[in-house]
Every structure is written in structure tokens, then in C-alpha cells.
Amino acid sequence: MSTEAQVRANHENALHSTGPTTEAGKAASCLNNFRHGLAGAFSVLPSEDQDEFDALLCGLRAEHQPSTVTETLLVQKMAQSYWLSKRALCLQDQCATDEELTLEQQEKQLALFLRYQTTNDRAFHRCLADLLKLKAEKRKQEIGFESQQQKKAQESRREAAEKRRQDHHKLDILLAEAKLNHQELLNCELSFEVTGAPLAPARLKQPQKAA
């Protein structure tokens, strides 16, 4: 059990040891337990090329053209998974040539990095499959909407054509009735000239109005 003097001494030492105070020191302290960066939140390591990762991400965005938040996140996850898989592969090469490690340590490290590589390879292909599935479903919906619009347009054209046909039919009937009435009037006039008595236009009728 600690004595009162030891407790006091530990307390005084703690007051003198407050950890890093500068931003650079704090950043370095955060990486004290950072071994390979294959687990936890994604970040590009100082030993890696940030521009190369940005180019990878831009290339994937240009290829897949994400148009929604979900698609954008899937493309970003693809870039990160590919980057981590590539990092795991590099670590495998480094581990195989590290002469400070024993054979047992090398085998253990290689197994770990290989597992991370496999995990991120699968994550990449899973995100790609999800992205392609989303795009296929969206395209299917767009095609369905376009088909529905085309169907409505065809139906409208059919209705318009049917209305024109009916209108032409009504006009033909009116024209036929007008011709018939005109012939009846001519017959009446001819009968009056011959007999001196008007012939009753039995078939004469008023043309129907078009609906």
C-alpha cells in the first residue's frame, strides 16, 4: 500500500507531466499506438501519397458517376478499401524482408496482413456490387417511367385519332343528308314545272347538327 509520501510525490510528478502542448506534439501522441492503420478510422498515412489517394477517388467518381449520397459513400468506401488492401500488401512485403523478426513473428504478421488484405478486397467488391445494384434499380425505374410516359402518349394519340375519325364520320353523314335534301328540292322544282303542282318532299329533312 502506498504511503502518504509516495502519493504526494506521484501527485507532484503528475502536475509536471501534462503531455504534449503543441498541435504537432498532440498529433504525434495520437499516433503512438498507431501500428499499421488497417483498423479503425481510415486515414492516409504520412508515409503514403495523399495525392495518389485523391486521384484514385476522383477516378472512381468519374467512372461510376454517383448521383446520390448513398452512391457517393459507396464510391468513397471502394477507394478506402482498395487503398487499405494495397497497404496490407505492402506490409506483407516489408514483413517478409524484415530481418529483425523471427520466423514465427513473420508468419504471424503475414497472416494478419493477409487477413486485412482479404477483408478489404471483399469490402471493395461488396461496395461495387451494391453500387451497381442501386444503379440498375434506378435505371429500371427510369425505364418504367419512360415506358409509362410513352404509353400515355400513345393512348392520347389513339384517342385523338378516334375523335378525328368520329368527326369525319359525322361530317360525311351531314354531307350525305345535305346532298339528299338538295336532290329532293330539285325533284320538287322539276315536278312543279311539269305538272304545275308541287311535289311533297317526303324525304326532305333538316340536317342534323354535329355533336
C-alpha atoms as a PDB file:
ATOM      1  CA  MET A   1       0.000   0.000   0.000  1.00  0.00           C
ATOM      2  CA  SER A   2       1.375   3.425  -0.959  1.00  0.00           C
ATOM      3  CA  THR A   3       2.461   5.695   1.830  1.00  0.00           C
ATOM      4  CA  GLU A   4       1.279   9.263   2.128  1.00  0.00           C
ATOM      5  CA  ALA A   5       4.684  10.484   0.951  1.00  0.00           C
ATOM      6  CA  GLN A   6       4.532   8.311  -2.187  1.00  0.00           C
ATOM      7  CA  VAL A   7       1.034   9.532  -3.013  1.00  0.00           C
ATOM      8  CA  ARG A   8       2.192  13.134  -2.605  1.00  0.00           C
ATOM      9  CA  ALA A   9       5.230  12.509  -4.815  1.00  0.00           C
ATOM     10  CA  ASN A  10       3.132  10.883  -7.551  1.00  0.00           C
ATOM     11  CA  HIS A  11       0.742  13.801  -7.472  1.00  0.00           C
ATOM     12  CA  GLU A  12       3.579  16.310  -7.843  1.00  0.00           C
ATOM     13  CA  ASN A  13       5.073  14.331 -10.747  1.00  0.00           C
ATOM     14  CA  ALA A  14       1.698  14.289 -12.488  1.00  0.00           C
ATOM     15  CA  LEU A  15       1.500  18.045 -12.274  1.00  0.00           C
ATOM     16  CA  HIS A  16       4.833  18.338 -14.085  1.00  0.00           C
ATOM     17  CA  SER A  17       3.864  15.784 -16.777  1.00  0.00           C
ATOM     18  CA  THR A  18       0.930  17.293 -18.696  1.00  0.00           C
ATOM     19  CA  GLY A  19       1.657  15.654 -22.040  1.00  0.00           C
ATOM     20  CA  PRO A  20       2.279  17.451 -25.321  1.00  0.00           C
ATOM     21  CA  THR A  21       1.081  21.023 -25.508  1.00  0.00           C
ATOM     22  CA  THR A  22       1.720  21.918 -29.157  1.00  0.00           C
ATOM     23  CA  GLU A  23      -0.532  20.806 -32.028  1.00  0.00           C
ATOM     24  CA  ALA A  24       2.331  18.825 -33.592  1.00  0.00           C
ATOM     25  CA  GLY A  25       3.048  17.116 -30.290  1.00  0.00           C
ATOM     26  CA  LYS A  26      -0.598  16.207 -29.794  1.00  0.00           C
ATOM     27  CA  ALA A  27      -0.800  14.806 -33.315  1.00  0.00           C
ATOM     28  CA  ALA A  28       2.304  12.706 -32.755  1.00  0.00           C
ATOM     29  CA  SER A  29       0.949  11.478 -29.432  1.00  0.00           C
ATOM     30  CA  CYS A  30      -2.220  10.255 -31.163  1.00  0.00           C
ATOM     31  CA  LEU A  31      -0.068   8.017 -33.350  1.00  0.00           C
ATOM     32  CA  ASN A  32       1.975   6.454 -30.538  1.00  0.00           C
ATOM     33  CA  ASN A  33      -0.063   3.241 -30.704  1.00  0.00           C
ATOM     34  CA  PHE A  34      -0.707   3.513 -34.452  1.00  0.00           C
ATOM     35  CA  ARG A  35       0.909   0.433 -35.975  1.00  0.00           C
ATOM     36  CA  HIS A  36      -0.405  -0.213 -39.467  1.00  0.00           C
ATOM     37  CA  GLY A  37      -3.592   1.842 -39.899  1.00  0.00           C
ATOM     38  CA  LEU A  38      -5.591  -1.135 -41.150  1.00  0.00           C
ATOM     39  CA  ALA A  39      -8.137  -0.951 -38.351  1.00  0.00           C
ATOM     40  CA  GLY A  40     -10.199   1.929 -37.038  1.00  0.00           C
ATOM     41  CA  ALA A  41     -10.942   5.169 -38.843  1.00  0.00           C
ATOM     42  CA  PHE A  42      -9.463   5.484 -42.319  1.00  0.00           C
ATOM     43  CA  SER A  43      -6.636   7.912 -42.986  1.00  0.00           C
ATOM     44  CA  VAL A  44      -3.781   8.218 -45.433  1.00  0.00           C
ATOM     45  CA  LEU A  45      -0.536   7.581 -43.557  1.00  0.00           C
ATOM     46  CA  PRO A  46       2.255  10.183 -43.583  1.00  0.00           C
ATOM     47  CA  SER A  47       4.400   7.651 -45.449  1.00  0.00           C
ATOM     48  CA  GLU A  48       1.764   7.387 -48.195  1.00  0.00           C
ATOM     49  CA  ASP A  49       0.865   9.743 -51.036  1.00  0.00           C
ATOM     50  CA  GLN A  50      -2.299  11.748 -50.332  1.00  0.00           C
ATOM     51  CA  ASP A  51      -2.398  12.967 -53.947  1.00  0.00           C
ATOM     52  CA  GLU A  52      -2.362   9.370 -55.159  1.00  0.00           C
ATOM     53  CA  PHE A  53      -5.359   8.507 -52.980  1.00  0.00           C
ATOM     54  CA  ASP A  54      -7.205  11.640 -54.144  1.00  0.00           C
ATOM     55  CA  ALA A  55      -6.541  10.646 -57.763  1.00  0.00           C
ATOM     56  CA  LEU A  56      -7.889   7.150 -57.048  1.00  0.00           C
ATOM     57  CA  LEU A  57     -11.056   8.586 -55.514  1.00  0.00           C
ATOM     58  CA  CYS A  58     -11.554  11.053 -58.384  1.00  0.00           C
ATOM     59  CA  GLY A  59     -11.049   8.257 -60.902  1.00  0.00           C
ATOM     60  CA  LEU A  60     -13.694   6.072 -59.255  1.00  0.00           C
ATOM     61  CA  ARG A  61     -16.121   9.005 -59.112  1.00  0.00           C
ATOM     62  CA  ALA A  62     -15.538   9.755 -62.794  1.00  0.00           C
ATOM     63  CA  GLU A  63     -16.074   6.095 -63.691  1.00  0.00           C
ATOM     64  CA  HIS A  64     -19.245   5.469 -61.681  1.00  0.00           C
ATOM     65  CA  GLN A  65     -20.769   8.976 -61.669  1.00  0.00           C
ATOM     66  CA  PRO A  66     -22.503   8.782 -58.247  1.00  0.00           C
ATOM     67  CA  SER A  67     -25.700  10.838 -58.231  1.00  0.00           C
ATOM     68  CA  THR A  68     -26.950  10.245 -54.668  1.00  0.00           C
ATOM     69  CA  VAL A  69     -25.448  10.408 -51.175  1.00  0.00           C
ATOM     70  CA  THR A  70     -25.537   6.614 -50.893  1.00  0.00           C
ATOM     71  CA  GLU A  71     -23.759   6.136 -54.206  1.00  0.00           C
ATOM     72  CA  THR A  72     -21.138   8.725 -53.211  1.00  0.00           C
ATOM     73  CA  LEU A  73     -20.481   6.922 -49.916  1.00  0.00           C
ATOM     74  CA  LEU A  74     -20.144   3.580 -51.688  1.00  0.00           C
ATOM     75  CA  VAL A  75     -17.587   5.023 -54.120  1.00  0.00           C
ATOM     76  CA  GLN A  76     -15.651   6.541 -51.222  1.00  0.00           C
ATOM     77  CA  LYS A  77     -15.717   3.215 -49.378  1.00  0.00           C
ATOM     78  CA  MET A  78     -14.433   1.486 -52.512  1.00  0.00           C
ATOM     79  CA  ALA A  79     -11.465   3.857 -52.676  1.00  0.00           C
ATOM     80  CA  GLN A  80     -10.667   3.332 -48.993  1.00  0.00           C
ATOM     81  CA  SER A  81     -10.970  -0.458 -49.216  1.00  0.00           C
ATOM     82  CA  TYR A  82      -8.722  -0.607 -52.254  1.00  0.00           C
ATOM     83  CA  TRP A  83      -6.180   1.644 -50.526  1.00  0.00           C
ATOM     84  CA  LEU A  84      -6.161  -0.481 -47.368  1.00  0.00           C
ATOM     85  CA  SER A  85      -5.801  -3.667 -49.420  1.00  0.00           C
ATOM     86  CA  LYS A  86      -2.837  -2.123 -51.197  1.00  0.00           C
ATOM     87  CA  ARG A  87      -1.356  -1.073 -47.831  1.00  0.00           C
ATOM     88  CA  ALA A  88      -1.750  -4.595 -46.448  1.00  0.00           C
ATOM     89  CA  LEU A  89       0.067  -5.968 -49.489  1.00  0.00           C
ATOM     90  CA  CYS A  90       2.961  -3.545 -48.980  1.00  0.00           C
ATOM     91  CA  LEU A  91       3.167  -4.507 -45.299  1.00  0.00           C
ATOM     92  CA  GLN A  92       3.376  -8.152 -46.312  1.00  0.00           C
ATOM     93  CA  ASP A  93       6.386  -7.360 -48.489  1.00  0.00           C
ATOM     94  CA  GLN A  94       8.029  -5.394 -45.689  1.00  0.00           C
ATOM     95  CA  CYS A  95       7.371  -8.127 -43.184  1.00  0.00           C
ATOM     96  CA  ALA A  96       8.898 -10.783 -45.428  1.00  0.00           C
ATOM     97  CA  THR A  97      12.147  -8.799 -45.686  1.00  0.00           C
ATOM     98  CA  ASP A  98      12.347  -7.658 -42.068  1.00  0.00           C
ATOM     99  CA  GLU A  99      15.431  -9.419 -40.675  1.00  0.00           C
ATOM    100  CA  GLU A 100      14.690  -8.279 -37.113  1.00  0.00           C
ATOM    101  CA  LEU A 101      11.638 -10.519 -36.924  1.00  0.00           C
ATOM    102  CA  THR A 102      11.847 -14.185 -36.110  1.00  0.00           C
ATOM    103  CA  LEU A 103      10.285 -16.695 -38.457  1.00  0.00           C
ATOM    104  CA  GLU A 104       7.358 -17.140 -36.079  1.00  0.00           C
ATOM    105  CA  GLN A 105       6.818 -13.377 -35.890  1.00  0.00           C
ATOM    106  CA  GLN A 106       6.976 -13.088 -39.666  1.00  0.00           C
ATOM    107  CA  GLU A 107       4.386 -15.809 -40.118  1.00  0.00           C
ATOM    108  CA  LYS A 108       2.098 -14.188 -37.573  1.00  0.00           C
ATOM    109  CA  GLN A 109       2.436 -10.751 -39.176  1.00  0.00           C
ATOM    110  CA  LEU A 110       1.971 -12.115 -42.680  1.00  0.00           C
ATOM    111  CA  ALA A 111      -1.190 -13.945 -41.622  1.00  0.00           C
ATOM    112  CA  LEU A 112      -2.537 -10.729 -40.075  1.00  0.00           C
ATOM    113  CA  PHE A 113      -1.794  -8.562 -43.103  1.00  0.00           C
ATOM    114  CA  LEU A 114      -3.142 -11.191 -45.474  1.00  0.00           C
ATOM    115  CA  ARG A 115      -6.381 -11.267 -43.499  1.00  0.00           C
ATOM    116  CA  TYR A 116      -6.671  -7.473 -43.738  1.00  0.00           C
ATOM    117  CA  GLN A 117      -5.994  -7.622 -47.471  1.00  0.00           C
ATOM    118  CA  THR A 118      -8.703 -10.236 -47.989  1.00  0.00           C
ATOM    119  CA  THR A 119     -11.176  -8.295 -45.835  1.00  0.00           C
ATOM    120  CA  ASN A 120     -10.676  -5.078 -47.782  1.00  0.00           C
ATOM    121  CA  ASP A 121     -10.765  -6.839 -51.140  1.00  0.00           C
ATOM    122  CA  ARG A 122     -14.147  -8.262 -50.203  1.00  0.00           C
ATOM    123  CA  ALA A 123     -15.317  -4.875 -48.937  1.00  0.00           C
ATOM    124  CA  PHE A 124     -14.345  -3.290 -52.257  1.00  0.00           C
ATOM    125  CA  HIS A 125     -16.262  -5.838 -54.331  1.00  0.00           C
ATOM    126  CA  ARG A 126     -19.240  -5.732 -51.966  1.00  0.00           C
ATOM    127  CA  CYS A 127     -19.478  -1.939 -52.323  1.00  0.00           C
ATOM    128  CA  LEU A 128     -19.119  -2.262 -56.096  1.00  0.00           C
ATOM    129  CA  ALA A 129     -21.922  -4.832 -56.223  1.00  0.00           C
ATOM    130  CA  ASP A 130     -24.178  -2.640 -54.067  1.00  0.00           C
ATOM    131  CA  LEU A 131     -23.428   0.377 -56.240  1.00  0.00           C
ATOM    132  CA  LEU A 132     -24.191  -1.449 -59.480  1.00  0.00           C
ATOM    133  CA  LYS A 133     -27.386  -2.854 -57.964  1.00  0.00           C
ATOM    134  CA  LEU A 134     -28.545   0.633 -56.949  1.00  0.00           C
ATOM    135  CA  LYS A 135     -27.822   1.994 -60.402  1.00  0.00           C
ATOM    136  CA  ALA A 136     -29.623  -0.923 -62.068  1.00  0.00           C
ATOM    137  CA  GLU A 137     -32.713  -0.420 -59.898  1.00  0.00           C
ATOM    138  CA  LYS A 138     -32.710   3.314 -60.571  1.00  0.00           C
ATOM    139  CA  ARG A 139     -32.354   2.722 -64.312  1.00  0.00           C
ATOM    140  CA  LYS A 140     -35.180   0.193 -64.173  1.00  0.00           C
ATOM    141  CA  GLN A 141     -37.397   2.782 -62.512  1.00  0.00           C
ATOM    142  CA  GLU A 142     -36.416   5.370 -65.107  1.00  0.00           C
ATOM    143  CA  ILE A 143     -37.195   2.947 -67.933  1.00  0.00           C
ATOM    144  CA  GLY A 144     -40.535   2.133 -66.290  1.00  0.00           C
ATOM    145  CA  PHE A 145     -41.356   5.831 -66.025  1.00  0.00           C
ATOM    146  CA  GLU A 146     -40.322   6.450 -69.629  1.00  0.00           C
ATOM    147  CA  SER A 147     -42.410   3.470 -70.751  1.00  0.00           C
ATOM    148  CA  GLN A 148     -45.395   4.776 -68.812  1.00  0.00           C
ATOM    149  CA  GLN A 149     -44.999   8.209 -70.398  1.00  0.00           C
ATOM    150  CA  GLN A 150     -44.747   6.643 -73.852  1.00  0.00           C
ATOM    151  CA  LYS A 151     -47.841   4.551 -73.149  1.00  0.00           C
ATOM    152  CA  LYS A 152     -49.770   7.658 -72.109  1.00  0.00           C
ATOM    153  CA  ALA A 153     -48.597   9.498 -75.229  1.00  0.00           C
ATOM    154  CA  GLN A 154     -49.684   6.573 -77.457  1.00  0.00           C
ATOM    155  CA  GLU A 155     -53.059   6.447 -75.724  1.00  0.00           C
ATOM    156  CA  SER A 156     -53.507  10.182 -76.239  1.00  0.00           C
ATOM    157  CA  ARG A 157     -52.664   9.806 -79.939  1.00  0.00           C
ATOM    158  CA  ARG A 158     -55.140   6.925 -80.285  1.00  0.00           C
ATOM    159  CA  GLU A 159     -57.877   8.949 -78.598  1.00  0.00           C
ATOM    160  CA  ALA A 160     -57.150  11.940 -80.821  1.00  0.00           C
ATOM    161  CA  ALA A 161     -57.209   9.737 -83.942  1.00  0.00           C
ATOM    162  CA  GLU A 162     -60.508   8.165 -82.860  1.00  0.00           C
ATOM    163  CA  LYS A 163     -62.037  11.592 -82.262  1.00  0.00           C
ATOM    164  CA  ARG A 164     -60.944  12.748 -85.723  1.00  0.00           C
ATOM    165  CA  ARG A 165     -62.430   9.601 -87.250  1.00  0.00           C
ATOM    166  CA  GLN A 166     -65.748  10.194 -85.469  1.00  0.00           C
ATOM    167  CA  ASP A 167     -65.773  13.839 -86.519  1.00  0.00           C
ATOM    168  CA  HIS A 168     -65.122  12.888 -90.150  1.00  0.00           C
ATOM    169  CA  HIS A 169     -67.912  10.310 -89.962  1.00  0.00           C
ATOM    170  CA  LYS A 170     -70.373  12.921 -88.665  1.00  0.00           C
ATOM    171  CA  LEU A 171     -69.332  15.326 -91.399  1.00  0.00           C
ATOM    172  CA  ASP A 172     -69.846  12.619 -94.022  1.00  0.00           C
ATOM    173  CA  ILE A 173     -73.359  11.974 -92.685  1.00  0.00           C
ATOM    174  CA  LEU A 174     -74.208  15.679 -92.741  1.00  0.00           C
ATOM    175  CA  LEU A 175     -72.853  15.995 -96.264  1.00  0.00           C
ATOM    176  CA  ALA A 176     -74.883  12.988 -97.441  1.00  0.00           C
ATOM    177  CA  GLU A 177     -78.056  14.393 -95.865  1.00  0.00           C
ATOM    178  CA  ALA A 178     -77.416  17.781 -97.422  1.00  0.00           C
ATOM    179  CA  LYS A 179     -76.971  16.199-100.855  1.00  0.00           C
ATOM    180  CA  LEU A 180     -80.186  14.199-100.353  1.00  0.00           C
ATOM    181  CA  ASN A 181     -82.118  17.320 -99.361  1.00  0.00           C
ATOM    182  CA  HIS A 182     -80.739  19.166-102.353  1.00  0.00           C
ATOM    183  CA  GLN A 183     -81.873  16.362-104.687  1.00  0.00           C
ATOM    184  CA  GLU A 184     -85.347  16.378-103.101  1.00  0.00           C
ATOM    185  CA  LEU A 185     -85.619  20.122-103.727  1.00  0.00           C
ATOM    186  CA  LEU A 186     -84.582  19.670-107.355  1.00  0.00           C
ATOM    187  CA  ASN A 187     -87.213  16.955-107.801  1.00  0.00           C
ATOM    188  CA  CYS A 188     -89.876  19.228-106.307  1.00  0.00           C
ATOM    189  CA  GLU A 189     -88.944  22.059-108.641  1.00  0.00           C
ATOM    190  CA  LEU A 190     -88.941  19.704-111.643  1.00  0.00           C
ATOM    191  CA  SER A 191     -92.368  18.308-110.717  1.00  0.00           C
ATOM    192  CA  PHE A 192     -93.789  21.816-110.360  1.00  0.00           C
ATOM    193  CA  GLU A 193     -92.531  22.779-113.787  1.00  0.00           C
ATOM    194  CA  VAL A 194     -94.028  19.657-115.407  1.00  0.00           C
ATOM    195  CA  THR A 195     -97.356  19.279-113.590  1.00  0.00           C
ATOM    196  CA  GLY A 196     -97.864  22.698-112.175  1.00  0.00           C
ATOM    197  CA  ALA A 197     -98.326  21.183-108.741  1.00  0.00           C
ATOM    198  CA  PRO A 198     -95.570  20.967-106.106  1.00  0.00           C
ATOM    199  CA  LEU A 199     -94.328  17.527-105.181  1.00  0.00           C
ATOM    200  CA  ALA A 200     -94.296  16.988-101.454  1.00  0.00           C
ATOM    201  CA  PRO A 201     -90.664  16.405-100.386  1.00  0.00           C
ATOM    202  CA  ALA A 202     -91.392  13.303 -98.348  1.00  0.00           C
ATOM    203  CA  ARG A 203     -87.745  12.616 -97.688  1.00  0.00           C
ATOM    204  CA  LEU A 204     -86.686  16.224 -97.138  1.00  0.00           C
ATOM    205  CA  LYS A 205     -85.372  16.719 -93.654  1.00  0.00           C
ATOM    206  CA  GLN A 206     -83.251  19.154 -91.724  1.00  0.00           C
ATOM    207  CA  PRO A 207     -79.582  18.092 -91.496  1.00  0.00           C
ATOM    208  CA  GLN A 208     -78.522  17.004 -88.017  1.00  0.00           C
ATOM    209  CA  LYS A 209     -76.141  19.211 -86.126  1.00  0.00           C
ATOM    210  CA  ALA A 210     -72.744  17.775 -85.434  1.00  0.00           C
ATOM    211  CA  ALA A 211     -72.294  16.841 -81.806  1.00  0.00           C
END
